[in-house]
Amino acid sequence: MELVDHTIINLIIFVLAIYVGYHVVWTVTPALHTPLMAVTNAISAIVIVGAMLAAALTETPLAKGMGVLAVALAAVNIFGGFLVTRRMLEMFKKKERKSAAGKEGA
């Protein structure tokens, strides 16, 4: 018989990942946000692959449900990350001047 159940070990890893992730995200300076979002999207893609493999290898319905939830949350994270990155990059684009367009119509 095993000393500690795999579910307890996985739960401990999950809680530690939340703790470390929280502290890492809140210490990022705003100037580094966009480049880090691109890296985070790549990491989330790896998380989706791992979650699909983990969900496929489980035997209990609860574990399969948690695997599906992990895949769904990682997909939302990737989609949201690309939206945020796109919006931030649009902030740096040069805007056309309205005064030049107004003079042409007169």
Protein backbone atom coordinates (compact mmCIF):
# COMPACT_ATOMS: atom_id res chain seq x y z
CA MET A 1 0.00 0.00 0.00
CA GLU A 2 1.20 3.48 -0.84
CA LEU A 3 2.26 5.85 1.89
CA VAL A 4 0.53 8.89 0.39
CA ASP A 5 -2.30 8.85 -2.15
CA HIS A 6 -1.54 10.32 -5.60
CA THR A 7 -4.55 12.63 -5.27
CA ILE A 8 -3.02 14.28 -2.19
CA ILE A 9 0.31 14.77 -3.97
CA ASN A 10 -1.43 16.26 -7.01
CA LEU A 11 -3.46 18.58 -4.78
CA ILE A 12 -0.30 19.79 -3.02
CA ILE A 13 1.37 20.48 -6.38
CA PHE A 14 -1.74 22.34 -7.55
CA VAL A 15 -1.83 24.57 -4.45
CA LEU A 16 1.90 25.31 -4.71
CA ALA A 17 1.51 26.19 -8.41
CA ILE A 18 -1.26 28.65 -7.54
CA TYR A 19 0.89 30.25 -4.83
CA VAL A 20 4.00 30.57 -7.00
CA GLY A 21 2.00 31.75 -10.02
CA TYR A 22 0.27 34.45 -8.00
CA HIS A 23 3.55 35.85 -6.69
CA VAL A 24 5.26 35.68 -10.07
CA VAL A 25 2.45 37.48 -11.91
CA TRP A 26 2.08 40.32 -9.42
CA THR A 27 5.81 41.15 -9.40
CA VAL A 28 6.02 41.72 -13.19
CA THR A 29 6.62 45.31 -14.26
CA PRO A 30 4.16 46.70 -16.83
CA ALA A 31 6.91 47.10 -19.47
CA LEU A 32 7.48 43.35 -19.49
CA HIS A 33 3.82 42.39 -19.62
CA THR A 34 3.43 41.93 -23.40
CA PRO A 35 6.54 39.79 -23.97
CA LEU A 36 5.67 37.65 -20.96
CA MET A 37 2.11 37.16 -22.23
CA ALA A 38 3.50 35.63 -25.41
CA VAL A 39 5.60 33.21 -23.37
CA THR A 40 2.64 32.45 -21.11
CA ASN A 41 0.55 31.54 -24.15
CA ALA A 42 3.21 29.07 -25.24
CA ILE A 43 3.34 27.56 -21.75
CA SER A 44 -0.45 27.26 -21.69
CA ALA A 45 -0.32 25.34 -24.95
CA ILE A 46 2.02 22.87 -23.28
CA VAL A 47 -0.35 22.72 -20.30
CA ILE A 48 -3.23 21.77 -22.62
CA VAL A 49 -1.22 18.87 -24.05
CA GLY A 50 -0.28 17.70 -20.55
CA ALA A 51 -3.87 18.02 -19.31
CA MET A 52 -5.16 15.99 -22.24
CA LEU A 53 -2.60 13.26 -21.58
CA ALA A 54 -3.36 13.26 -17.87
CA ALA A 55 -7.13 13.13 -18.47
CA ALA A 56 -6.75 10.28 -20.94
CA LEU A 57 -4.73 8.17 -18.50
CA THR A 58 -7.07 8.54 -15.51
CA GLU A 59 -9.60 5.94 -14.46
CA THR A 60 -12.09 7.76 -12.24
CA PRO A 61 -14.81 10.11 -13.50
CA LEU A 62 -13.68 12.83 -11.06
CA ALA A 63 -10.15 12.76 -12.45
CA LYS A 64 -11.44 12.87 -16.03
CA GLY A 65 -13.65 15.83 -15.12
CA MET A 66 -10.70 17.64 -13.56
CA GLY A 67 -8.68 16.95 -16.72
CA VAL A 68 -11.41 18.41 -18.92
CA LEU A 69 -11.60 21.43 -16.61
CA ALA A 70 -7.82 21.89 -16.88
CA VAL A 71 -8.00 21.79 -20.68
CA ALA A 72 -10.87 24.30 -20.72
CA LEU A 73 -9.14 26.74 -18.35
CA ALA A 74 -5.86 26.56 -20.27
CA ALA A 75 -7.75 27.23 -23.52
CA VAL A 76 -9.44 30.28 -21.97
CA ASN A 77 -6.03 31.44 -20.74
CA ILE A 78 -4.53 31.18 -24.23
CA PHE A 79 -7.46 32.95 -25.89
CA GLY A 80 -7.49 35.75 -23.32
CA GLY A 81 -3.72 36.11 -23.52
CA PHE A 82 -3.82 36.62 -27.27
CA LEU A 83 -6.62 39.18 -26.91
CA VAL A 84 -4.72 41.14 -24.28
CA THR A 85 -1.48 41.00 -26.28
CA ARG A 86 -3.28 42.21 -29.42
CA ARG A 87 -4.89 45.11 -27.58
CA MET A 88 -1.60 46.15 -26.02
CA LEU A 89 0.20 46.04 -29.39
CA GLU A 90 -2.56 48.18 -30.94
CA MET A 91 -1.78 50.86 -28.36
CA PHE A 92 1.67 51.30 -29.92
CA LYS A 93 0.46 51.69 -33.52
CA LYS A 94 0.59 55.15 -35.03
CA LYS A 95 -2.83 56.70 -35.42
CA GLU A 96 -3.82 58.68 -38.49
CA ARG A 97 -4.38 62.37 -37.94
CA LYS A 98 -7.98 63.49 -38.17
CA SER A 99 -7.04 67.04 -39.20
CA ALA A 100 -5.54 65.83 -42.50
CA ALA A 101 -8.71 63.90 -43.33
CA GLY A 102 -10.87 66.94 -42.47
CA LYS A 103 -8.95 69.26 -44.82
CA GLU A 104 -9.42 66.96 -47.78
CA GLY A 105 -13.22 67.04 -47.45
CA ALA A 106 -13.38 70.89 -47.38
